Amino acid sequence: NANTSFESTYVSSYDEVLFNPIIKALQNQSANKFIVVHLMGNHTAYAKRYPHTFSFFSQSTSYENQIRNEYDNSIRYNDFIVDSILNIIQNYESKHQNIKCSALYLSDHGENVYDENGNVGHDYSGTIPKANVEVPYILWLSTQFIKTETNKVDIIKKNRNKPFVSDDLFHNLIDMFDIKCSVFEKSRSLFNNEYNANRKRILEDNLDYDLKK
């Protein structure tokens, strides 16, 4: 019916609505800033995650192919969002050259888009598909950060391809900003020389990610 059709296409806003609040937060006069941005990203329904102008992949021969196209379009739009946010920060840094900036982007989960068991989404039954937990982890550092934190940058470069689990994000952030904290563990920070890349990555299904096929 008409109501069902309306509900399936209605979108109140897209992630670009966050650009101005980010700019406003950067303009705050506080000496130190820690800004958290929560995106809708690529949650189902994928077609609702991007404006029509980002319908780059449109030709499909089946329902499955259509869903893949919508997911790919949402990824393309999300790339635009992340790139735009980094440009906002870079522009801020260019006007405040005494400051150090860094930005860390990651997803809270992945999406299984017909990768395993013919499913779409991030739900699961029994065992978690790898696609559900394989996420991007992107670190951006400003020019000033790279110039003044050479030792830290060297460690990051050394560890950049080592296995990691986002459970340990807390330890990365504590280490990145040199915050003193009694529960900080060096072995769980990707930004530390003592990082333990051999830590088992046990998922919510109690299975070792690295032993999954």
N, C-alpha and C. Protein backbone atom coordinates (compact mmCIF):
# COMPACT_ATOMS: atom_id res chain seq x y z
N ASN A 1 0.84 -1.19 0.00
CA ASN A 1 0.00 0.00 0.00
C ASN A 1 0.88 1.25 0.00
N ALA A 2 0.24 2.42 -0.06
CA ALA A 2 0.99 3.67 -0.17
C ALA A 2 1.86 3.91 1.05
N ASN A 3 1.38 3.59 2.23
CA ASN A 3 2.15 3.82 3.45
C ASN A 3 3.41 2.97 3.48
N THR A 4 3.27 1.70 3.08
CA THR A 4 4.42 0.81 3.06
C THR A 4 5.48 1.33 2.10
N SER A 5 5.06 1.79 0.93
CA SER A 5 5.99 2.32 -0.06
C SER A 5 6.71 3.55 0.49
N PHE A 6 5.96 4.41 1.17
CA PHE A 6 6.56 5.62 1.74
C PHE A 6 7.60 5.27 2.77
N GLU A 7 7.29 4.33 3.67
CA GLU A 7 8.22 3.95 4.73
C GLU A 7 9.49 3.33 4.17
N SER A 8 9.36 2.63 3.05
CA SER A 8 10.53 1.94 2.50
C SER A 8 11.51 2.90 1.83
N THR A 9 11.05 4.12 1.48
CA THR A 9 11.93 5.04 0.78
C THR A 9 12.27 6.29 1.59
N TYR A 10 11.57 6.49 2.69
CA TYR A 10 11.76 7.73 3.46
C TYR A 10 13.10 7.73 4.19
N VAL A 11 13.84 8.83 4.06
CA VAL A 11 15.10 9.03 4.78
C VAL A 11 15.09 10.43 5.35
N SER A 12 15.39 10.57 6.63
CA SER A 12 15.35 11.89 7.26
C SER A 12 16.62 12.69 6.99
N SER A 13 17.79 12.02 6.94
CA SER A 13 19.03 12.72 6.65
C SER A 13 20.13 11.71 6.35
N TYR A 14 21.25 12.22 5.83
CA TYR A 14 22.40 11.38 5.54
C TYR A 14 23.57 11.83 6.42
N ASP A 15 24.63 11.05 6.42
CA ASP A 15 25.73 11.31 7.35
C ASP A 15 26.41 12.67 7.13
N GLU A 16 26.25 13.25 5.95
CA GLU A 16 26.87 14.55 5.71
C GLU A 16 26.29 15.65 6.60
N VAL A 17 25.16 15.37 7.24
CA VAL A 17 24.57 16.35 8.17
C VAL A 17 25.50 16.62 9.35
N LEU A 18 26.49 15.75 9.54
CA LEU A 18 27.43 15.89 10.66
C LEU A 18 28.59 16.83 10.38
N PHE A 19 28.77 17.26 9.14
CA PHE A 19 29.91 18.10 8.80
C PHE A 19 29.94 19.39 9.62
N ASN A 20 28.82 20.10 9.66
CA ASN A 20 28.79 21.38 10.39
C ASN A 20 29.01 21.22 11.89
N PRO A 21 28.40 20.23 12.54
CA PRO A 21 28.70 20.03 13.97
C PRO A 21 30.17 19.73 14.23
N ILE A 22 30.83 19.01 13.32
CA ILE A 22 32.26 18.72 13.48
C ILE A 22 33.06 20.02 13.39
N ILE A 23 32.73 20.85 12.40
CA ILE A 23 33.41 22.14 12.24
C ILE A 23 33.21 23.00 13.48
N LYS A 24 31.99 23.01 14.01
CA LYS A 24 31.69 23.79 15.21
C LYS A 24 32.47 23.28 16.40
N ALA A 25 32.57 21.96 16.55
CA ALA A 25 33.32 21.37 17.66
C ALA A 25 34.80 21.72 17.57
N LEU A 26 35.35 21.74 16.37
CA LEU A 26 36.76 22.10 16.19
C LEU A 26 37.01 23.56 16.55
N GLN A 27 36.02 24.39 16.34
CA GLN A 27 36.17 25.82 16.62
C GLN A 27 36.06 26.15 18.11
N ASN A 28 35.67 25.17 18.90
CA ASN A 28 35.60 25.38 20.35
C ASN A 28 36.99 25.78 20.86
N GLN A 29 37.03 26.67 21.85
CA GLN A 29 38.30 27.23 22.32
C GLN A 29 39.04 26.35 23.33
N SER A 30 38.53 25.19 23.63
CA SER A 30 39.20 24.29 24.57
C SER A 30 40.61 23.95 24.08
N ALA A 31 41.52 23.81 25.02
CA ALA A 31 42.92 23.52 24.65
C ALA A 31 43.06 22.14 24.03
N ASN A 32 42.31 21.19 24.58
CA ASN A 32 42.35 19.82 24.06
C ASN A 32 40.95 19.40 23.62
N LYS A 33 40.88 18.71 22.50
CA LYS A 33 39.58 18.29 21.97
C LYS A 33 39.60 16.80 21.67
N PHE A 34 38.56 16.12 22.12
CA PHE A 34 38.35 14.71 21.78
C PHE A 34 36.94 14.61 21.22
N ILE A 35 36.83 14.44 19.92
CA ILE A 35 35.54 14.48 19.24
C ILE A 35 35.17 13.08 18.74
N VAL A 36 34.01 12.61 19.11
CA VAL A 36 33.53 11.30 18.67
C VAL A 36 32.38 11.51 17.69
N VAL A 37 32.47 10.89 16.53
CA VAL A 37 31.44 10.99 15.50
C VAL A 37 30.90 9.60 15.23
N HIS A 38 29.60 9.43 15.37
CA HIS A 38 28.95 8.14 15.14
C HIS A 38 28.16 8.22 13.85
N LEU A 39 28.61 7.49 12.84
CA LEU A 39 27.95 7.48 11.54
C LEU A 39 26.92 6.36 11.44
N MET A 40 25.91 6.57 10.61
CA MET A 40 25.02 5.46 10.26
C MET A 40 25.75 4.48 9.36
N GLY A 41 26.63 5.01 8.53
CA GLY A 41 27.49 4.16 7.72
C GLY A 41 26.73 3.29 6.74
N ASN A 42 26.92 1.98 6.86
CA ASN A 42 26.39 1.04 5.86
C ASN A 42 25.41 0.04 6.46
N HIS A 43 24.67 0.49 7.46
CA HIS A 43 23.63 -0.36 8.02
C HIS A 43 22.54 -0.62 6.99
N THR A 44 21.91 -1.78 7.10
CA THR A 44 20.72 -2.03 6.28
C THR A 44 19.62 -1.07 6.75
N ALA A 45 18.74 -0.61 5.87
CA ALA A 45 18.71 -0.94 4.45
C ALA A 45 19.68 -0.03 3.70
N TYR A 46 20.54 -0.66 2.89
CA TYR A 46 21.64 0.07 2.28
C TYR A 46 21.18 1.22 1.39
N ALA A 47 20.05 1.06 0.71
CA ALA A 47 19.55 2.10 -0.20
C ALA A 47 19.20 3.38 0.53
N LYS A 48 19.03 3.31 1.85
CA LYS A 48 18.70 4.50 2.63
C LYS A 48 19.93 5.23 3.15
N ARG A 49 21.10 4.74 2.83
CA ARG A 49 22.32 5.29 3.41
C ARG A 49 23.05 6.27 2.51
N TYR A 50 22.51 6.55 1.33
CA TYR A 50 23.18 7.47 0.41
C TYR A 50 22.14 8.21 -0.42
N PRO A 51 22.44 9.45 -0.81
CA PRO A 51 21.53 10.20 -1.67
C PRO A 51 21.54 9.66 -3.09
N HIS A 52 20.55 10.06 -3.87
CA HIS A 52 20.41 9.56 -5.24
C HIS A 52 21.65 9.85 -6.08
N THR A 53 22.32 10.94 -5.80
CA THR A 53 23.50 11.31 -6.59
C THR A 53 24.64 10.30 -6.45
N PHE A 54 24.56 9.43 -5.46
CA PHE A 54 25.59 8.40 -5.27
C PHE A 54 25.14 7.03 -5.77
N SER A 55 24.11 6.99 -6.59
CA SER A 55 23.65 5.72 -7.17
C SER A 55 24.53 5.38 -8.37
N PHE A 56 25.77 5.09 -8.10
CA PHE A 56 26.75 4.81 -9.14
C PHE A 56 26.53 3.43 -9.75
N PHE A 57 26.28 2.45 -8.88
CA PHE A 57 26.01 1.08 -9.34
C PHE A 57 24.49 0.91 -9.40
N SER A 58 23.94 0.79 -10.58
CA SER A 58 22.49 0.77 -10.71
C SER A 58 21.95 -0.39 -11.54
N GLN A 59 22.72 -0.90 -12.47
CA GLN A 59 22.22 -1.98 -13.32
C GLN A 59 22.27 -3.30 -12.57
N SER A 60 21.14 -4.01 -12.57
CA SER A 60 21.09 -5.30 -11.88
C SER A 60 20.20 -6.26 -12.65
N THR A 61 20.53 -7.54 -12.51
CA THR A 61 19.75 -8.57 -13.20
C THR A 61 18.99 -9.45 -12.22
N SER A 62 19.17 -9.19 -10.93
CA SER A 62 18.49 -9.99 -9.91
C SER A 62 18.38 -9.18 -8.63
N TYR A 63 17.55 -9.66 -7.72
CA TYR A 63 17.39 -8.99 -6.43
C TYR A 63 18.71 -8.99 -5.66
N GLU A 64 19.42 -10.12 -5.70
CA GLU A 64 20.71 -10.21 -5.00
C GLU A 64 21.69 -9.18 -5.56
N ASN A 65 21.73 -9.06 -6.87
CA ASN A 65 22.63 -8.10 -7.50
C ASN A 65 22.24 -6.67 -7.13
N GLN A 66 20.95 -6.41 -7.01
CA GLN A 66 20.48 -5.08 -6.62
C GLN A 66 20.95 -4.73 -5.21
N ILE A 67 20.86 -5.70 -4.29
CA ILE A 67 21.31 -5.46 -2.92
C ILE A 67 22.81 -5.21 -2.88
N ARG A 68 23.57 -5.97 -3.65
CA ARG A 68 25.01 -5.74 -3.73
C ARG A 68 25.31 -4.33 -4.25
N ASN A 69 24.57 -3.91 -5.26
CA ASN A 69 24.77 -2.56 -5.81
C ASN A 69 24.48 -1.50 -4.76
N GLU A 70 23.38 -1.68 -4.03
CA GLU A 70 23.02 -0.70 -2.99
C GLU A 70 24.07 -0.66 -1.89
N TYR A 71 24.61 -1.83 -1.54
CA TYR A 71 25.66 -1.86 -0.53
C TYR A 71 26.93 -1.15 -1.05
N ASP A 72 27.30 -1.44 -2.30
CA ASP A 72 28.48 -0.79 -2.88
C ASP A 72 28.30 0.72 -2.97
N ASN A 73 27.09 1.17 -3.29
CA ASN A 73 26.82 2.61 -3.31
C ASN A 73 26.96 3.22 -1.92
N SER A 74 26.48 2.49 -0.92
CA SER A 74 26.59 2.99 0.46
C SER A 74 28.05 3.07 0.90
N ILE A 75 28.87 2.12 0.45
CA ILE A 75 30.30 2.15 0.75
C ILE A 75 30.95 3.35 0.07
N ARG A 76 30.56 3.58 -1.16
CA ARG A 76 31.11 4.71 -1.92
C ARG A 76 30.76 6.03 -1.23
N TYR A 77 29.54 6.14 -0.74
CA TYR A 77 29.12 7.35 -0.03
C TYR A 77 29.86 7.47 1.30
N ASN A 78 30.03 6.35 1.99
CA ASN A 78 30.74 6.37 3.27
C ASN A 78 32.19 6.80 3.08
N ASP A 79 32.80 6.36 1.98
CA ASP A 79 34.16 6.81 1.66
C ASP A 79 34.20 8.33 1.51
N PHE A 80 33.18 8.88 0.86
CA PHE A 80 33.08 10.33 0.68
C PHE A 80 32.96 11.03 2.04
N ILE A 81 32.17 10.45 2.94
CA ILE A 81 31.98 11.03 4.27
C ILE A 81 33.30 11.05 5.05
N VAL A 82 33.97 9.92 5.09
CA VAL A 82 35.23 9.82 5.85
C VAL A 82 36.27 10.76 5.25
N ASP A 83 36.38 10.77 3.93
CA ASP A 83 37.34 11.66 3.27
C ASP A 83 37.02 13.12 3.58
N SER A 84 35.75 13.47 3.58
CA SER A 84 35.35 14.85 3.86
C SER A 84 35.70 15.25 5.29
N ILE A 85 35.48 14.35 6.23
CA ILE A 85 35.81 14.64 7.63
C ILE A 85 37.31 14.86 7.79
N LEU A 86 38.10 14.01 7.13
CA LEU A 86 39.56 14.18 7.20
C LEU A 86 39.98 15.51 6.57
N ASN A 87 39.31 15.91 5.50
CA ASN A 87 39.62 17.20 4.88
C ASN A 87 39.26 18.36 5.80
N ILE A 88 38.17 18.22 6.55
CA ILE A 88 37.77 19.24 7.51
C ILE A 88 38.85 19.40 8.58
N ILE A 89 39.35 18.26 9.08
CA ILE A 89 40.40 18.30 10.11
C ILE A 89 41.69 18.87 9.54
N GLN A 90 42.02 18.46 8.32
CA GLN A 90 43.24 18.95 7.68
C GLN A 90 43.17 20.46 7.46
N ASN A 91 42.01 20.95 7.07
CA ASN A 91 41.82 22.38 6.88
C ASN A 91 41.96 23.12 8.21
N TYR A 92 41.43 22.52 9.27
CA TYR A 92 41.56 23.11 10.60
C TYR A 92 43.04 23.20 11.00
N GLU A 93 43.77 22.12 10.74
CA GLU A 93 45.19 22.09 11.09
C GLU A 93 45.97 23.15 10.32
N SER A 94 45.62 23.36 9.06
CA SER A 94 46.35 24.33 8.23
C SER A 94 46.23 25.75 8.77
N LYS A 95 45.16 26.00 9.54
CA LYS A 95 44.94 27.33 10.13
C LYS A 95 45.46 27.41 11.56
N HIS A 96 45.88 26.27 12.12
CA HIS A 96 46.38 26.22 13.50
C HIS A 96 47.62 25.32 13.51
N GLN A 97 48.70 25.80 12.95
CA GLN A 97 49.85 24.96 12.68
C GLN A 97 50.64 24.56 13.93
N ASN A 98 50.29 25.07 15.09
CA ASN A 98 50.99 24.67 16.31
C ASN A 98 50.39 23.40 16.93
N ILE A 99 49.25 22.98 16.43
CA ILE A 99 48.54 21.87 17.08
C ILE A 99 48.82 20.54 16.38
N LYS A 100 48.62 19.48 17.13
CA LYS A 100 48.72 18.12 16.59
C LYS A 100 47.32 17.54 16.47
N CYS A 101 47.04 16.96 15.34
CA CYS A 101 45.72 16.34 15.11
C CYS A 101 45.90 14.88 14.70
N SER A 102 44.94 14.08 15.10
CA SER A 102 44.89 12.70 14.62
C SER A 102 43.43 12.31 14.50
N ALA A 103 43.15 11.36 13.64
CA ALA A 103 41.78 10.87 13.47
C ALA A 103 41.84 9.37 13.28
N LEU A 104 40.92 8.68 13.94
CA LEU A 104 40.87 7.22 13.87
C LEU A 104 39.47 6.81 13.44
N TYR A 105 39.38 6.03 12.39
CA TYR A 105 38.08 5.57 11.89
C TYR A 105 38.03 4.05 11.91
N LEU A 106 36.95 3.51 12.45
CA LEU A 106 36.70 2.07 12.36
C LEU A 106 35.21 1.83 12.47
N SER A 107 34.79 0.66 12.03
CA SER A 107 33.38 0.26 12.12
C SER A 107 33.19 -0.63 13.34
N ASP A 108 31.96 -0.63 13.86
CA ASP A 108 31.69 -1.50 15.01
C ASP A 108 31.44 -2.94 14.57
N HIS A 109 31.12 -3.13 13.31
CA HIS A 109 30.94 -4.48 12.77
C HIS A 109 30.98 -4.42 11.25
N GLY A 110 31.10 -5.57 10.63
CA GLY A 110 31.04 -5.66 9.18
C GLY A 110 29.66 -6.07 8.73
N GLU A 111 29.50 -6.26 7.43
CA GLU A 111 28.23 -6.69 6.87
C GLU A 111 28.46 -7.93 6.00
N ASN A 112 27.60 -8.90 6.18
CA ASN A 112 27.63 -10.11 5.37
C ASN A 112 26.65 -9.92 4.22
N VAL A 113 27.17 -9.56 3.04
CA VAL A 113 26.31 -9.30 1.89
C VAL A 113 26.46 -10.47 0.91
N TYR A 114 25.77 -11.55 1.24
CA TYR A 114 25.83 -12.80 0.48
C TYR A 114 27.25 -13.38 0.46
N ASP A 115 28.08 -13.01 1.42
CA ASP A 115 29.43 -13.58 1.49
C ASP A 115 29.39 -15.01 2.04
N GLU A 116 28.52 -15.21 3.04
CA GLU A 116 28.44 -16.53 3.67
C GLU A 116 26.97 -16.87 3.97
N ASN A 117 26.61 -18.09 3.71
CA ASN A 117 25.30 -18.66 4.06
C ASN A 117 24.12 -17.96 3.40
N GLY A 118 24.37 -17.22 2.34
CA GLY A 118 23.29 -16.58 1.61
C GLY A 118 22.56 -15.51 2.39
N ASN A 119 23.22 -14.93 3.39
CA ASN A 119 22.58 -13.94 4.26
C ASN A 119 23.00 -12.51 3.93
N VAL A 120 22.18 -11.57 4.39
CA VAL A 120 22.49 -10.15 4.27
C VAL A 120 22.31 -9.50 5.64
N GLY A 121 23.30 -8.72 6.07
CA GLY A 121 23.23 -8.05 7.36
C GLY A 121 24.37 -8.46 8.25
N HIS A 122 24.21 -8.29 9.57
CA HIS A 122 25.27 -8.70 10.50
C HIS A 122 24.73 -9.58 11.62
N ASP A 123 23.55 -10.15 11.41
CA ASP A 123 23.06 -11.14 12.36
C ASP A 123 23.70 -12.49 12.04
N TYR A 124 23.55 -13.44 12.92
CA TYR A 124 24.14 -14.75 12.67
C TYR A 124 23.43 -15.80 13.52
N SER A 125 23.67 -17.04 13.15
CA SER A 125 23.11 -18.16 13.90
C SER A 125 24.21 -19.18 14.12
N GLY A 126 24.56 -19.42 15.37
CA GLY A 126 25.58 -20.42 15.68
C GLY A 126 26.98 -19.86 15.65
N THR A 127 27.51 -19.66 14.46
CA THR A 127 28.88 -19.16 14.32
C THR A 127 28.87 -17.85 13.52
N ILE A 128 29.71 -16.90 13.92
CA ILE A 128 29.74 -15.59 13.28
C ILE A 128 30.51 -15.66 11.96
N PRO A 129 29.90 -15.23 10.85
CA PRO A 129 30.64 -15.16 9.58
C PRO A 129 31.79 -14.16 9.70
N LYS A 130 32.89 -14.46 9.04
CA LYS A 130 34.03 -13.54 9.08
C LYS A 130 33.66 -12.16 8.58
N ALA A 131 32.77 -12.10 7.59
CA ALA A 131 32.37 -10.82 7.02
C ALA A 131 31.75 -9.90 8.07
N ASN A 132 31.17 -10.48 9.12
CA ASN A 132 30.52 -9.69 10.16
C ASN A 132 31.50 -8.90 11.02
N VAL A 133 32.75 -9.37 11.07
CA VAL A 133 33.70 -8.77 12.01
C VAL A 133 34.94 -8.18 11.33
N GLU A 134 35.04 -8.29 10.02
CA GLU A 134 36.19 -7.71 9.32
C GLU A 134 35.86 -6.25 9.00
N VAL A 135 36.58 -5.33 9.65
CA VAL A 135 36.23 -3.92 9.56
C VAL A 135 37.43 -3.07 9.16
N PRO A 136 37.18 -1.89 8.59
CA PRO A 136 38.29 -0.96 8.29
C PRO A 136 38.82 -0.34 9.56
N TYR A 137 40.10 -0.04 9.57
CA TYR A 137 40.75 0.62 10.70
C TYR A 137 41.73 1.62 10.11
N ILE A 138 41.35 2.88 10.08
CA ILE A 138 42.11 3.91 9.39
C ILE A 138 42.61 4.96 10.37
N LEU A 139 43.91 5.20 10.36
CA LEU A 139 44.51 6.22 11.21
C LEU A 139 45.08 7.32 10.34
N TRP A 140 44.68 8.56 10.64
CA TRP A 140 45.20 9.74 9.94
C TRP A 140 45.95 10.60 10.95
N LEU A 141 47.15 11.05 10.57
CA LEU A 141 47.96 11.90 11.44
C LEU A 141 48.31 13.19 10.73
N SER A 142 48.23 14.28 11.45
CA SER A 142 48.53 15.58 10.86
C SER A 142 50.03 15.75 10.65
N THR A 143 50.38 16.75 9.87
CA THR A 143 51.79 17.04 9.59
C THR A 143 52.55 17.32 10.88
N GLN A 144 51.95 18.10 11.77
CA GLN A 144 52.59 18.44 13.03
C GLN A 144 52.77 17.22 13.91
N PHE A 145 51.80 16.32 13.90
CA PHE A 145 51.90 15.09 14.69
C PHE A 145 53.08 14.25 14.19
N ILE A 146 53.18 14.11 12.89
CA ILE A 146 54.26 13.31 12.29
C ILE A 146 55.63 13.91 12.59
N LYS A 147 55.71 15.25 12.59
CA LYS A 147 56.98 15.92 12.85
C LYS A 147 57.44 15.79 14.30
N THR A 148 56.49 15.84 15.22
CA THR A 148 56.84 15.89 16.65
C THR A 148 56.79 14.54 17.35
N GLU A 149 56.14 13.56 16.75
CA GLU A 149 55.99 12.24 17.39
C GLU A 149 56.64 11.17 16.53
N THR A 150 57.90 11.39 16.18
CA THR A 150 58.57 10.49 15.24
C THR A 150 58.67 9.06 15.77
N ASN A 151 58.94 8.91 17.06
CA ASN A 151 59.06 7.57 17.64
C ASN A 151 57.73 6.83 17.57
N LYS A 152 56.66 7.51 17.90
CA LYS A 152 55.34 6.90 17.87
C LYS A 152 54.94 6.54 16.44
N VAL A 153 55.26 7.41 15.51
CA VAL A 153 54.94 7.16 14.10
C VAL A 153 55.70 5.93 13.60
N ASP A 154 56.95 5.79 14.01
CA ASP A 154 57.75 4.61 13.61
C ASP A 154 57.12 3.32 14.13
N ILE A 155 56.63 3.35 15.37
CA ILE A 155 55.99 2.17 15.96
C ILE A 155 54.71 1.83 15.21
N ILE A 156 53.93 2.84 14.90
CA ILE A 156 52.69 2.63 14.17
C ILE A 156 52.97 2.00 12.80
N LYS A 157 53.98 2.50 12.12
CA LYS A 157 54.33 1.95 10.81
C LYS A 157 54.79 0.49 10.94
N LYS A 158 55.52 0.20 11.99
CA LYS A 158 56.02 -1.16 12.21
C LYS A 158 54.88 -2.14 12.47
N ASN A 159 53.83 -1.67 13.16
CA ASN A 159 52.73 -2.56 13.55
C ASN A 159 51.53 -2.52 12.63
N ARG A 160 51.60 -1.73 11.58
CA ARG A 160 50.41 -1.42 10.77
C ARG A 160 49.74 -2.65 10.16
N ASN A 161 50.48 -3.71 9.88
CA ASN A 161 49.89 -4.89 9.24
C ASN A 161 49.70 -6.07 10.20
N LYS A 162 49.85 -5.81 11.48
CA LYS A 162 49.69 -6.88 12.46
C LYS A 162 48.21 -7.09 12.80
N PRO A 163 47.84 -8.31 13.16
CA PRO A 163 46.44 -8.58 13.52
C PRO A 163 46.02 -7.79 14.75
N PHE A 164 44.77 -7.37 14.75
CA PHE A 164 44.27 -6.52 15.82
C PHE A 164 42.79 -6.81 16.03
N VAL A 165 42.30 -6.55 17.23
CA VAL A 165 40.87 -6.69 17.51
C VAL A 165 40.38 -5.38 18.11
N SER A 166 39.24 -4.90 17.63
CA SER A 166 38.78 -3.57 18.03
C SER A 166 38.39 -3.49 19.50
N ASP A 167 38.29 -4.62 20.19
CA ASP A 167 38.09 -4.61 21.64
C ASP A 167 39.16 -3.76 22.33
N ASP A 168 40.34 -3.68 21.71
CA ASP A 168 41.48 -3.01 22.34
C ASP A 168 41.61 -1.55 21.91
N LEU A 169 40.57 -1.00 21.31
CA LEU A 169 40.61 0.40 20.90
C LEU A 169 40.95 1.32 22.07
N PHE A 170 40.38 1.04 23.24
CA PHE A 170 40.64 1.84 24.43
C PHE A 170 42.13 1.99 24.69
N HIS A 171 42.87 0.89 24.63
CA HIS A 171 44.31 0.91 24.92
C HIS A 171 45.07 1.71 23.85
N ASN A 172 44.59 1.65 22.60
CA ASN A 172 45.21 2.46 21.54
C ASN A 172 45.06 3.95 21.83
N LEU A 173 43.85 4.35 22.21
CA LEU A 173 43.59 5.77 22.44
C LEU A 173 44.38 6.29 23.64
N ILE A 174 44.42 5.50 24.70
CA ILE A 174 45.18 5.88 25.90
C ILE A 174 46.66 6.08 25.53
N ASP A 175 47.17 5.15 24.73
CA ASP A 175 48.57 5.20 24.33
C ASP A 175 48.84 6.36 23.38
N MET A 176 47.95 6.56 22.44
CA MET A 176 48.13 7.62 21.46
C MET A 176 48.29 8.99 22.12
N PHE A 177 47.49 9.24 23.16
CA PHE A 177 47.48 10.56 23.78
C PHE A 177 48.28 10.63 25.08
N ASP A 178 49.06 9.59 25.35
CA ASP A 178 49.94 9.56 26.54
C ASP A 178 49.16 9.83 27.83
N ILE A 179 48.00 9.20 27.93
CA ILE A 179 47.17 9.34 29.13
C ILE A 179 47.57 8.29 30.16
N LYS A 180 47.79 8.71 31.38
CA LYS A 180 48.16 7.79 32.44
C LYS A 180 46.90 7.14 33.00
N CYS A 181 46.90 5.81 33.01
CA CYS A 181 45.70 5.08 33.42
C CYS A 181 46.11 3.72 33.98
N SER A 182 45.57 3.36 35.13
CA SER A 182 45.98 2.12 35.81
C SER A 182 45.59 0.86 35.05
N VAL A 183 44.57 0.95 34.19
CA VAL A 183 44.11 -0.26 33.48
C VAL A 183 44.68 -0.35 32.05
N PHE A 184 45.55 0.57 31.70
CA PHE A 184 46.18 0.52 30.38
C PHE A 184 47.14 -0.66 30.28
N GLU A 185 47.05 -1.40 29.17
CA GLU A 185 47.95 -2.54 28.92
C GLU A 185 48.71 -2.30 27.62
N LYS A 186 50.03 -2.17 27.74
CA LYS A 186 50.86 -1.91 26.57
C LYS A 186 50.73 -3.01 25.52
N SER A 187 50.56 -4.23 25.96
CA SER A 187 50.51 -5.37 25.04
C SER A 187 49.25 -5.37 24.16
N ARG A 188 48.29 -4.50 24.52
CA ARG A 188 47.04 -4.45 23.76
C ARG A 188 46.92 -3.18 22.91
N SER A 189 48.03 -2.41 22.85
CA SER A 189 48.04 -1.20 22.04
C SER A 189 48.87 -1.39 20.78
N LEU A 190 48.22 -1.20 19.66
CA LEU A 190 48.89 -1.31 18.36
C LEU A 190 49.92 -0.21 18.19
N PHE A 191 49.87 0.80 19.05
CA PHE A 191 50.77 1.94 18.96
C PHE A 191 51.92 1.83 19.97
N ASN A 192 52.22 0.61 20.38
CA ASN A 192 53.24 0.40 21.40
C ASN A 192 54.22 -0.68 20.97
N ASN A 193 55.49 -0.50 21.36
CA ASN A 193 56.52 -1.49 21.02
C ASN A 193 56.27 -2.85 21.66
N GLU A 194 55.49 -2.85 22.75
CA GLU A 194 55.22 -4.10 23.47
C GLU A 194 53.91 -4.76 23.02
N TYR A 195 53.36 -4.31 21.91
CA TYR A 195 52.10 -4.88 21.42
C TYR A 195 52.25 -6.38 21.15
N ASN A 196 51.27 -7.15 21.62
CA ASN A 196 51.27 -8.60 21.45
C ASN A 196 50.35 -8.98 20.30
N ALA A 197 50.95 -9.26 19.15
CA ALA A 197 50.17 -9.60 17.96
C ALA A 197 49.65 -11.04 18.00
N ASN A 198 50.07 -11.80 19.02
CA ASN A 198 49.67 -13.21 19.11
C ASN A 198 48.44 -13.42 20.00
N ARG A 199 47.89 -12.33 20.53
CA ARG A 199 46.70 -12.47 21.36
C ARG A 199 45.56 -13.10 20.56
N LYS A 200 44.91 -14.10 21.14
CA LYS A 200 43.80 -14.75 20.45
C LYS A 200 42.64 -13.79 20.30
N ARG A 201 42.00 -13.82 19.12
CA ARG A 201 40.87 -12.95 18.85
C ARG A 201 39.58 -13.79 18.91
N ILE A 202 39.03 -13.86 20.12
CA ILE A 202 37.84 -14.67 20.36
C ILE A 202 36.59 -13.83 20.13
N LEU A 203 35.70 -14.34 19.30
CA LEU A 203 34.50 -13.61 18.95
C LEU A 203 33.34 -13.92 19.89
N GLU A 204 32.21 -13.29 19.63
CA GLU A 204 31.03 -13.46 20.47
C GLU A 204 30.52 -14.91 20.47
N ASP A 205 30.84 -15.66 19.43
CA ASP A 205 30.43 -17.08 19.36
C ASP A 205 31.43 -17.99 20.08
N ASN A 206 32.42 -17.35 20.79
CA ASN A 206 33.45 -18.07 21.55
C ASN A 206 34.42 -18.84 20.67
N LEU A 207 34.50 -18.51 19.39
CA LEU A 207 35.42 -19.15 18.47
C LEU A 207 36.54 -18.18 18.10
N ASP A 208 37.71 -18.76 17.82
CA ASP A 208 38.89 -17.98 17.45
C ASP A 208 38.75 -17.53 16.00
N TYR A 209 38.77 -16.23 15.79
CA TYR A 209 38.62 -15.68 14.43
C TYR A 209 39.66 -16.27 13.49
N ASP A 210 40.91 -16.39 13.94
CA ASP A 210 42.01 -16.80 13.07
C ASP A 210 41.96 -18.28 12.73
N LEU A 211 41.10 -19.04 13.40
CA LEU A 211 40.95 -20.45 13.08
C LEU A 211 39.72 -20.72 12.20
N LYS A 212 38.94 -19.67 11.92
CA LYS A 212 37.78 -19.83 11.07
C LYS A 212 38.24 -19.98 9.62
N LYS A 213 37.51 -20.73 8.86
CA LYS A 213 37.85 -20.92 7.44
C LYS A 213 37.27 -19.81 6.60
